[in-house]
C-alpha atoms as a PDB file:
ATOM      1  CA  MET A   1      19.377  47.533  40.542  1.00  0.00           C
ATOM      2  CA  ASP A   2      16.620  46.283  42.900  1.00  0.00           C
ATOM      3  CA  SER A   3      12.888  46.607  42.326  1.00  0.00           C
ATOM      4  CA  GLU A   4      12.482  49.701  44.539  1.00  0.00           C
ATOM      5  CA  SER A   5      15.234  51.543  42.649  1.00  0.00           C
ATOM      6  CA  VAL A   6      13.578  50.640  39.351  1.00  0.00           C
ATOM      7  CA  GLU A   7      10.273  52.008  40.582  1.00  0.00           C
ATOM      8  CA  VAL A   8      11.792  55.302  41.842  1.00  0.00           C
ATOM      9  CA  ALA A   9      13.859  55.820  38.711  1.00  0.00           C
ATOM     10  CA  CYS A  10      10.855  55.153  36.521  1.00  0.00           C
ATOM     11  CA  LEU A  11       8.660  57.673  38.379  1.00  0.00           C
ATOM     12  CA  GLN A  12      11.401  60.320  38.328  1.00  0.00           C
ATOM     13  CA  ARG A  13      11.992  59.870  34.597  1.00  0.00           C
ATOM     14  CA  LEU A  14       8.358  59.823  33.433  1.00  0.00           C
ATOM     15  CA  PRO A  15       5.557  62.307  34.181  1.00  0.00           C
ATOM     16  CA  PRO A  16       2.687  60.807  36.203  1.00  0.00           C
ATOM     17  CA  SER A  17      -0.168  59.413  34.135  1.00  0.00           C
ATOM     18  CA  PRO A  18      -2.182  56.162  34.252  1.00  0.00           C
ATOM     19  CA  LEU A  19      -0.181  54.730  31.341  1.00  0.00           C
ATOM     20  CA  ARG A  20       3.157  55.711  32.891  1.00  0.00           C
ATOM     21  CA  LEU A  21       2.121  54.213  36.229  1.00  0.00           C
ATOM     22  CA  ILE A  22       1.267  50.909  34.536  1.00  0.00           C
ATOM     23  CA  GLN A  23       4.643  50.865  32.749  1.00  0.00           C
ATOM     24  CA  CYS A  24       6.480  51.540  36.018  1.00  0.00           C
ATOM     25  CA  TRP A  25       4.532  48.800  37.780  1.00  0.00           C
ATOM     26  CA  ARG A  26       5.463  46.299  35.033  1.00  0.00           C
ATOM     27  CA  GLN A  27       9.165  47.183  35.310  1.00  0.00           C
ATOM     28  CA  HIS A  28       8.935  46.889  39.092  1.00  0.00           C
ATOM     29  CA  TRP A  29       7.337  43.396  38.800  1.00  0.00           C
ATOM     30  CA  ARG A  30       9.957  42.172  36.312  1.00  0.00           C
ATOM     31  CA  ALA A  31      12.826  43.353  38.501  1.00  0.00           C
ATOM     32  CA  ARG A  32      11.403  41.575  41.566  1.00  0.00           C
ATOM     33  CA  HIS A  33      10.751  38.419  39.507  1.00  0.00           C
ATOM     34  CA  ASN A  34      14.368  38.359  38.311  1.00  0.00           C
ATOM     35  CA  GLN A  35      15.625  38.778  41.880  1.00  0.00           C
ATOM     36  CA  ASN A  36      13.588  35.849  43.195  1.00  0.00           C
ATOM     37  CA  ARG A  37      14.418  33.496  40.319  1.00  0.00           C
ATOM     38  CA  LYS A  38      17.257  31.102  41.092  1.00  0.00           C
ATOM     39  CA  PRO A  39      19.539  30.018  38.282  1.00  0.00           C
ATOM     40  CA  SER A  40      19.443  26.316  37.493  1.00  0.00           C
ATOM     41  CA  LEU A  41      22.637  24.645  36.266  1.00  0.00           C
ATOM     42  CA  GLN A  42      21.349  21.091  36.489  1.00  0.00           C
ATOM     43  CA  PHE A  43      20.895  18.992  33.383  1.00  0.00           C
ATOM     44  CA  ILE A  44      17.513  17.357  32.908  1.00  0.00           C
ATOM     45  CA  PHE A  45      17.960  13.775  31.774  1.00  0.00           C
ATOM     46  CA  MET A  46      15.052  12.610  29.687  1.00  0.00           C
ATOM     47  CA  ALA A  47      14.083   8.998  29.180  1.00  0.00           C
ATOM     48  CA  ILE A  48      15.219   7.512  25.861  1.00  0.00           C
ATOM     49  CA  ARG A  49      12.318   6.175  23.799  1.00  0.00           C
ATOM     50  CA  THR A  50      12.435   4.271  20.549  1.00  0.00           C
ATOM     51  CA  THR A  51      10.258   4.669  17.489  1.00  0.00           C
ATOM     52  CA  ILE A  52      10.187   2.790  14.211  1.00  0.00           C
ATOM     53  CA  GLN A  53      13.067   3.679  11.915  1.00  0.00           C
ATOM     54  CA  PRO A  54      11.829   6.031   9.156  1.00  0.00           C
ATOM     55  CA  PHE A  55      13.504   4.039   6.371  1.00  0.00           C
ATOM     56  CA  VAL A  56      11.896   0.828   7.663  1.00  0.00           C
ATOM     57  CA  PHE A  57       8.481   2.500   7.742  1.00  0.00           C
ATOM     58  CA  TRP A  58       8.708   4.054   4.275  1.00  0.00           C
ATOM     59  CA  ARG A  59      10.296   1.005   2.653  1.00  0.00           C
ATOM     60  CA  ASN A  60       7.501  -1.285   3.823  1.00  0.00           C
ATOM     61  CA  ALA A  61       4.791   1.312   3.201  1.00  0.00           C
ATOM     62  CA  ILE A  62       5.902   1.855  -0.411  1.00  0.00           C
ATOM     63  CA  PHE A  63       6.056  -1.880  -1.124  1.00  0.00           C
ATOM     64  CA  ALA A  64       2.638  -2.356   0.500  1.00  0.00           C
ATOM     65  CA  VAL A  65       1.138   0.363  -1.707  1.00  0.00           C
ATOM     66  CA  LEU A  66       2.744  -1.147  -4.820  1.00  0.00           C
ATOM     67  CA  CYS A  67       1.346  -4.579  -3.963  1.00  0.00           C
ATOM     68  CA  ALA A  68      -2.107  -3.073  -3.410  1.00  0.00           C
ATOM     69  CA  VAL A  69      -1.930  -1.270  -6.772  1.00  0.00           C
ATOM     70  CA  PHE A  70      -0.910  -4.475  -8.574  1.00  0.00           C
ATOM     71  CA  ALA A  71      -3.720  -6.331  -6.806  1.00  0.00           C
ATOM     72  CA  ILE A  72      -6.313  -3.780  -7.981  1.00  0.00           C
ATOM     73  CA  TRP A  73      -4.847  -3.901 -11.469  1.00  0.00           C
ATOM     74  CA  GLY A  74      -5.081  -7.716 -11.479  1.00  0.00           C
ATOM     75  CA  TRP A  75      -8.665  -7.617 -10.204  1.00  0.00           C
ATOM     76  CA  TYR A  76      -9.627  -5.163 -12.956  1.00  0.00           C
ATOM     77  CA  ASP A  77      -8.096  -7.356 -15.660  1.00  0.00           C
ATOM     78  CA  TYR A  78      -9.573 -10.534 -14.188  1.00  0.00           C
ATOM     79  CA  SER A  79     -13.094  -9.185 -13.596  1.00  0.00           C
ATOM     80  CA  ILE A  80     -13.602  -6.557 -16.315  1.00  0.00           C
ATOM     81  CA  LYS A  81     -10.982  -6.250 -19.036  1.00  0.00           C
ATOM     82  CA  ILE A  82     -10.441  -9.907 -19.985  1.00  0.00           C
ATOM     83  CA  PRO A  83     -14.165 -10.876 -19.931  1.00  0.00           C
ATOM     84  CA  ASN A  84     -15.015  -7.820 -22.068  1.00  0.00           C
ATOM     85  CA  LEU A  85     -12.222  -8.675 -24.500  1.00  0.00           C
ATOM     86  CA  GLU A  86     -13.440 -12.267 -24.755  1.00  0.00           C
ATOM     87  CA  ALA A  87     -16.970 -11.028 -25.452  1.00  0.00           C
ATOM     88  CA  ASP A  88     -15.676  -8.625 -28.111  1.00  0.00           C
ATOM     89  CA  CYS A  89     -13.755 -11.452 -29.802  1.00  0.00           C
ATOM     90  CA  VAL A  90     -16.851 -13.625 -29.963  1.00  0.00           C
ATOM     91  CA  ALA A  91     -19.055 -10.769 -31.264  1.00  0.00           C
ATOM     92  CA  PHE A  92     -16.374  -9.710 -33.769  1.00  0.00           C
ATOM     93  CA  ASP A  93     -16.046 -13.221 -35.191  1.00  0.00           C
ATOM     94  CA  GLN A  94     -19.831 -13.640 -35.432  1.00  0.00           C
ATOM     95  CA  ALA A  95     -20.272 -10.289 -37.164  1.00  0.00           C
ATOM     96  CA  LYS A  96     -17.413 -11.059 -39.529  1.00  0.00           C
ATOM     97  CA  ASP A  97     -18.941 -14.426 -40.452  1.00  0.00           C
ATOM     98  CA  THR A  98     -22.326 -12.769 -41.009  1.00  0.00           C
ATOM     99  CA  MET A  99     -20.868 -10.143 -43.356  1.00  0.00           C
ATOM    100  CA  LYS A 100     -18.909 -12.768 -45.293  1.00  0.00           C
ATOM    101  CA  LYS A 101     -21.986 -14.960 -45.714  1.00  0.00           C
ATOM    102  CA  LEU A 102     -24.174 -12.057 -46.870  1.00  0.00           C
ATOM    103  CA  GLU A 103     -21.505 -10.779 -49.265  1.00  0.00           C
ATOM    104  CA  MET A 104     -21.288 -14.200 -50.912  1.00  0.00           C
ATOM    105  CA  GLN A 105     -25.091 -14.336 -51.102  1.00  0.00           C
ATOM    106  CA  SER A 106     -25.292 -10.833 -52.623  1.00  0.00           C
ATOM    107  CA  ASN A 107     -23.105 -11.965 -55.511  1.00  0.00           C
ATOM    108  CA  ALA A 108     -25.711 -14.527 -56.491  1.00  0.00           C
ATOM    109  CA  THR A 109     -29.015 -12.790 -55.683  1.00  0.00           C
ATOM    110  CA  GLU A 110     -30.211  -9.432 -54.419  1.00  0.00           C
ATOM    111  CA  LEU A 111     -30.410  -9.205 -50.618  1.00  0.00           C
ATOM    112  CA  LYS A 112     -33.749  -8.739 -48.907  1.00  0.00           C
ATOM    113  CA  ASN A 113     -34.402  -5.779 -46.637  1.00  0.00           C
ATOM    114  CA  THR A 114     -33.918  -7.873 -43.508  1.00  0.00           C
ATOM    115  CA  GLN A 115     -30.638  -9.199 -44.836  1.00  0.00           C
ATOM    116  CA  THR A 116     -29.483  -5.682 -45.692  1.00  0.00           C
ATOM    117  CA  GLU A 117     -30.288  -4.547 -42.154  1.00  0.00           C
ATOM    118  CA  GLU A 118     -28.465  -7.579 -40.780  1.00  0.00           C
ATOM    119  CA  PHE A 119     -25.419  -6.724 -42.896  1.00  0.00           C
ATOM    120  CA  ALA A 120     -25.459  -3.090 -41.675  1.00  0.00           C
ATOM    121  CA  ALA A 121     -25.783  -4.222 -38.046  1.00  0.00           C
ATOM    122  CA  ALA A 122     -22.845  -6.605 -38.427  1.00  0.00           C
ATOM    123  CA  LYS A 123     -20.733  -3.877 -39.991  1.00  0.00           C
ATOM    124  CA  LYS A 124     -21.655  -1.463 -37.191  1.00  0.00           C
ATOM    125  CA  THR A 125     -20.661  -4.098 -34.597  1.00  0.00           C
ATOM    126  CA  ILE A 126     -17.279  -4.592 -36.252  1.00  0.00           C
ATOM    127  CA  ASP A 127     -16.675  -0.837 -36.426  1.00  0.00           C
ATOM    128  CA  GLU A 128     -17.545  -0.350 -32.742  1.00  0.00           C
ATOM    129  CA  ILE A 129     -15.343  -3.233 -31.574  1.00  0.00           C
ATOM    130  CA  THR A 130     -12.467  -2.076 -33.787  1.00  0.00           C
ATOM    131  CA  ALA A 131     -12.705   1.470 -32.404  1.00  0.00           C
ATOM    132  CA  ARG A 132     -12.929   0.238 -28.814  1.00  0.00           C
ATOM    133  CA  ASN A 133      -9.870  -2.016 -29.127  1.00  0.00           C
ATOM    134  CA  SER A 134      -7.820   0.160 -31.509  1.00  0.00           C
ATOM    135  CA  GLY A 135      -8.050  -2.544 -34.130  1.00  0.00           C
ATOM    136  CA  ALA A 136      -9.252  -6.107 -34.379  1.00  0.00           C
ATOM    137  CA  PRO A 137      -9.440  -7.642 -30.881  1.00  0.00           C
ATOM    138  CA  THR A 138      -6.913 -10.294 -29.913  1.00  0.00           C
ATOM    139  CA  LYS A 139      -8.282 -13.276 -28.045  1.00  0.00           C
ATOM    140  CA  PRO A 140      -6.757 -13.546 -24.547  1.00  0.00           C
ATOM    141  CA  SER A 141      -4.688 -16.564 -23.650  1.00  0.00           C
ATOM    142  CA  GLN A 142      -6.389 -19.252 -21.613  1.00  0.00           C
ATOM    143  CA  TYR A 143      -3.829 -18.584 -18.856  1.00  0.00           C
ATOM    144  CA  ASP A 144      -4.378 -14.803 -18.627  1.00  0.00           C
ATOM    145  CA  ARG A 145      -7.135 -14.887 -16.016  1.00  0.00           C
ATOM    146  CA  THR A 146      -5.329 -17.602 -14.044  1.00  0.00           C
ATOM    147  CA  MET A 147      -2.178 -15.474 -13.933  1.00  0.00           C
ATOM    148  CA  GLN A 148      -4.108 -12.377 -12.854  1.00  0.00           C
ATOM    149  CA  MET A 149      -5.742 -14.360 -10.072  1.00  0.00           C
ATOM    150  CA  TRP A 150      -2.672 -16.069  -8.590  1.00  0.00           C
ATOM    151  CA  LEU A 151       0.095 -13.583  -9.347  1.00  0.00           C
ATOM    152  CA  TYR A 152      -1.616 -10.253  -8.734  1.00  0.00           C
ATOM    153  CA  ILE A 153      -4.820 -10.745  -6.739  1.00  0.00           C
ATOM    154  CA  ILE A 154      -3.553 -13.458  -4.396  1.00  0.00           C
ATOM    155  CA  GLY A 155       0.227 -12.998  -4.645  1.00  0.00           C
ATOM    156  CA  CYS A 156       0.358  -9.200  -4.392  1.00  0.00           C
ATOM    157  CA  GLY A 157      -2.965  -8.410  -2.743  1.00  0.00           C
ATOM    158  CA  VAL A 158      -3.778 -11.216  -0.334  1.00  0.00           C
ATOM    159  CA  LEU A 159      -0.185 -12.144   0.568  1.00  0.00           C
ATOM    160  CA  GLY A 160       2.089  -9.259  -0.440  1.00  0.00           C
ATOM    161  CA  THR A 161       0.276  -6.266   1.082  1.00  0.00           C
ATOM    162  CA  PRO A 162      -0.107  -7.783   4.594  1.00  0.00           C
ATOM    163  CA  PHE A 163       3.482  -9.073   4.377  1.00  0.00           C
ATOM    164  CA  PHE A 164       4.778  -5.483   4.240  1.00  0.00           C
ATOM    165  CA  ILE A 165       2.175  -3.906   6.523  1.00  0.00           C
ATOM    166  CA  TRP A 166       2.699  -6.361   9.379  1.00  0.00           C
ATOM    167  CA  PRO A 167       6.341  -5.342  10.111  1.00  0.00           C
ATOM    168  CA  ILE A 168       5.173  -1.725  10.485  1.00  0.00           C
ATOM    169  CA  ILE A 169       2.430  -2.689  12.932  1.00  0.00           C
ATOM    170  CA  HIS A 170       4.746  -5.090  14.767  1.00  0.00           C
ATOM    171  CA  ALA A 171       7.489  -2.470  15.185  1.00  0.00           C
ATOM    172  CA  MET A 172       5.097   0.293  16.230  1.00  0.00           C
ATOM    173  CA  LYS A 173       3.578  -1.927  18.932  1.00  0.00           C
ATOM    174  CA  LYS A 174       6.992  -2.593  20.479  1.00  0.00           C
ATOM    175  CA  LYS A 175       8.188   0.057  22.918  1.00  0.00           C
ATOM    176  CA  TYR A 176      11.672   0.338  24.374  1.00  0.00           C
ATOM    177  CA  VAL A 177      12.396   2.959  27.031  1.00  0.00           C
ATOM    178  CA  LEU A 178      15.533   3.540  29.089  1.00  0.00           C
ATOM    179  CA  GLN A 179      14.761   5.661  32.157  1.00  0.00           C
ATOM    180  CA  ASP A 180      17.298   8.095  33.578  1.00  0.00           C
ATOM    181  CA  ASP A 181      17.836   5.724  36.520  1.00  0.00           C
ATOM    182  CA  GLY A 182      18.869   2.909  34.139  1.00  0.00           C
ATOM    183  CA  THR A 183      15.563   1.003  34.220  1.00  0.00           C
ATOM    184  CA  LEU A 184      14.815  -0.701  30.904  1.00  0.00           C
ATOM    185  CA  HIS A 185      11.211  -1.004  29.704  1.00  0.00           C
ATOM    186  CA  CYS A 186      10.767  -3.467  26.842  1.00  0.00           C
ATOM    187  CA  PRO A 187       8.203  -5.984  25.545  1.00  0.00           C
ATOM    188  CA  GLN A 188       9.801  -8.683  27.729  1.00  0.00           C
ATOM    189  CA  GLY A 189       9.159  -6.680  30.904  1.00  0.00           C
ATOM    190  CA  ILE A 190      10.658  -3.990  33.125  1.00  0.00           C
ATOM    191  CA  PHE A 191      14.215  -4.490  34.363  1.00  0.00           C
ATOM    192  CA  THR A 192      15.991  -2.306  36.881  1.00  0.00           C
ATOM    193  CA  VAL A 193      19.725  -1.668  36.948  1.00  0.00           C
ATOM    194  CA  ASP A 194      20.233  -4.505  39.447  1.00  0.00           C
ATOM    195  CA  GLN A 195      18.347  -6.936  37.179  1.00  0.00           C
ATOM    196  CA  ILE A 196      20.578  -6.288  34.142  1.00  0.00           C
ATOM    197  CA  ALA A 197      23.568  -8.606  34.450  1.00  0.00           C
ATOM    198  CA  GLU A 198      25.429  -7.691  31.255  1.00  0.00           C
ATOM    199  CA  ILE A 199      25.108  -6.486  27.686  1.00  0.00           C
ATOM    200  CA  GLU A 200      26.743  -8.459  24.890  1.00  0.00           C
ATOM    201  CA  MET A 201      28.375  -6.078  22.419  1.00  0.00           C
ATOM    202  CA  ASN A 202      30.414  -8.616  20.436  1.00  0.00           C
ATOM    203  CA  ARG A 203      28.237  -8.252  17.310  1.00  0.00           C
ATOM    204  CA  TRP A 204      27.583  -4.514  17.629  1.00  0.00           C
ATOM    205  CA  CYS A 205      29.255  -2.733  14.676  1.00  0.00           C
ATOM    206  CA  ALA A 206      31.361  -5.821  13.996  1.00  0.00           C
ATOM    207  CA  LYS A 207      33.293  -5.795  10.722  1.00  0.00           C
ATOM    208  CA  GLU A 208      32.962  -9.530  10.060  1.00  0.00           C
ATOM    209  CA  GLY A 209      30.160 -12.061  10.034  1.00  0.00           C
ATOM    210  CA  ASP A 210      26.444 -11.528   9.461  1.00  0.00           C
ATOM    211  CA  ARG A 211      25.907  -7.875   8.573  1.00  0.00           C
ATOM    212  CA  ARG A 212      22.342  -7.860   9.888  1.00  0.00           C
ATOM    213  CA  SER A 213      23.516  -8.807  13.378  1.00  0.00           C
ATOM    214  CA  THR A 214      25.880  -5.814  13.498  1.00  0.00           C
ATOM    215  CA  TRP A 215      22.845  -3.655  14.243  1.00  0.00           C
ATOM    216  CA  THR A 216      22.075  -5.563  17.442  1.00  0.00           C
ATOM    217  CA  ALA A 217      23.238  -5.930  21.028  1.00  0.00           C
ATOM    218  CA  THR A 218      21.869  -8.380  23.601  1.00  0.00           C
ATOM    219  CA  VAL A 219      20.969  -7.568  27.190  1.00  0.00           C
ATOM    220  CA  VAL A 220      21.221 -10.504  29.615  1.00  0.00           C
ATOM    221  CA  THR A 221      19.190 -10.248  32.797  1.00  0.00           C
ATOM    222  CA  THR A 222      19.949 -11.865  36.135  1.00  0.00           C
ATOM    223  CA  ASP A 223      17.253 -14.504  35.567  1.00  0.00           C
ATOM    224  CA  GLY A 224      18.767 -15.525  32.207  1.00  0.00           C
ATOM    225  CA  LYS A 225      16.504 -13.663  29.805  1.00  0.00           C
ATOM    226  CA  ARG A 226      18.140 -12.454  26.609  1.00  0.00           C
ATOM    227  CA  ILE A 227      16.730  -9.236  25.165  1.00  0.00           C
ATOM    228  CA  VAL A 228      17.864  -8.345  21.658  1.00  0.00           C
ATOM    229  CA  LEU A 229      18.087  -4.578  21.080  1.00  0.00           C
ATOM    230  CA  ASP A 230      17.809  -3.947  17.339  1.00  0.00           C
ATOM    231  CA  ASP A 231      18.915  -0.571  16.007  1.00  0.00           C
ATOM    232  CA  HIS A 232      17.969  -1.563  12.448  1.00  0.00           C
ATOM    233  CA  ASP A 233      14.213  -1.399  13.069  1.00  0.00           C
ATOM    234  CA  PHE A 234      14.073   1.085  15.959  1.00  0.00           C
ATOM    235  CA  LYS A 235      15.214   4.688  15.985  1.00  0.00           C
ATOM    236  CA  ASN A 236      17.206   5.803  19.077  1.00  0.00           C
ATOM    237  CA  MET A 237      17.965   2.188  19.985  1.00  0.00           C
ATOM    238  CA  HIS A 238      21.686   2.954  19.706  1.00  0.00           C
ATOM    239  CA  LEU A 239      21.249   5.449  22.553  1.00  0.00           C
ATOM    240  CA  ILE A 240      19.676   2.773  24.761  1.00  0.00           C
ATOM    241  CA  ILE A 241      22.478   0.364  23.835  1.00  0.00           C
ATOM    242  CA  GLY A 242      25.059   3.058  24.492  1.00  0.00           C
ATOM    243  CA  GLY A 243      23.444   4.059  27.789  1.00  0.00           C
ATOM    244  CA  ILE A 244      23.579   0.518  29.156  1.00  0.00           C
ATOM    245  CA  ALA A 245      27.027  -0.287  27.714  1.00  0.00           C
ATOM    246  CA  HIS A 246      28.542   2.976  28.968  1.00  0.00           C
ATOM    247  CA  ARG A 247      27.198   2.376  32.474  1.00  0.00           C
ATOM    248  CA  MET A 248      28.573  -1.160  32.592  1.00  0.00           C
ATOM    249  CA  MET A 249      31.767  -0.607  30.541  1.00  0.00           C
ATOM    250  CA  PRO A 250      32.587   3.116  30.674  1.00  0.00           C
ATOM    251  CA  ASP A 251      36.179   2.559  29.554  1.00  0.00           C
ATOM    252  CA  THR A 252      35.063   0.782  26.382  1.00  0.00           C
ATOM    253  CA  TRP A 253      31.782   2.336  25.212  1.00  0.00           C
ATOM    254  CA  THR A 254      30.430   5.887  24.985  1.00  0.00           C
ATOM    255  CA  PRO A 255      26.776   6.858  25.635  1.00  0.00           C
ATOM    256  CA  GLU A 256      26.329   6.961  21.830  1.00  0.00           C
ATOM    257  CA  ALA A 257      27.321   3.259  21.573  1.00  0.00           C
ATOM    258  CA  LYS A 258      30.692   4.049  20.021  1.00  0.00           C
ATOM    259  CA  ARG A 259      33.979   2.624  21.184  1.00  0.00           C
ATOM    260  CA  VAL A 260      35.972   4.968  23.359  1.00  0.00           C
ATOM    261  CA  GLY A 261      38.395   6.867  21.137  1.00  0.00           C
ATOM    262  CA  GLU A 262      36.341   6.263  17.992  1.00  0.00           C
ATOM    263  CA  LYS A 263      35.570   9.464  16.128  1.00  0.00           C
ATOM    264  CA  THR A 264      31.967  10.495  15.685  1.00  0.00           C
ATOM    265  CA  GLU A 265      30.475  11.363  12.317  1.00  0.00           C
ATOM    266  CA  ALA A 266      30.496  15.059  13.267  1.00  0.00           C
ATOM    267  CA  GLU A 267      34.193  14.922  14.133  1.00  0.00           C
ATOM    268  CA  VAL A 268      35.042  13.143  10.890  1.00  0.00           C
ATOM    269  CA  ALA A 269      33.012  15.671   8.908  1.00  0.00           C
ATOM    270  CA  ALA A 270      34.746  18.557  10.703  1.00  0.00           C
ATOM    271  CA  GLU A 271      38.177  17.099   9.922  1.00  0.00           C
ATOM    272  CA  ASN A 272      37.252  16.577   6.267  1.00  0.00           C
ATOM    273  CA  ALA A 273      35.956  20.135   6.040  1.00  0.00           C
ATOM    274  CA  ALA A 274      39.159  21.507   7.598  1.00  0.00           C
ATOM    275  CA  ALA A 275      41.290  19.489   5.201  1.00  0.00           C
END
């Protein structure tokens, strides 16, 4: 039905009123819009962009937070807890010696008022230190502060936290993009289809050798540059690898970087579910 037929049918079906006229006009506009719109059957190919792998991000972030927590813990022990404990040990021993001396003196003669006050003060000090430390304080080892400094403050804080944060920053700064025309954008530069000589897939998903290298493929440019594409650290990198490999070796590799004839995870899952 064309737009004019819609308009006539609408006016015949509904009594004239401002609201009815507006409704008919809207139906007339929609019908004309649908007539003028051309169907599009073309696929829109979007550029493939990489991001940091989520498990790489969270693994390093969690370890960085743990190192920071241990560093703060070590700083607290080094700067506050251990010095306070050492001071309590000294005050506890002094108060204990004072009480012992005055007790021995009280057995021989009656204590003076000042000595009685001194005895009460020493006893109060012992009671406060005992309550604060849940018992008599234990003197820290001479190596406690040294260990807190080197193991926790320096080892975890100064060295450990940046060690895990840097890979996150390094991976997020690197950008890999494969345009729909086959142009590769990477930290080493921009390389068109004509500038990419080959892609080495001998280590990709290999079943033998170094397991870490099975996440990688190497692009070789016409000027001899070797660009390692690492799917371990970068999400969607397998699509870039598959896009280049499928263009250069369509009989061997699929756009998902799988060997031709190899079943996908979805196909395997469907077969297992059917079985």
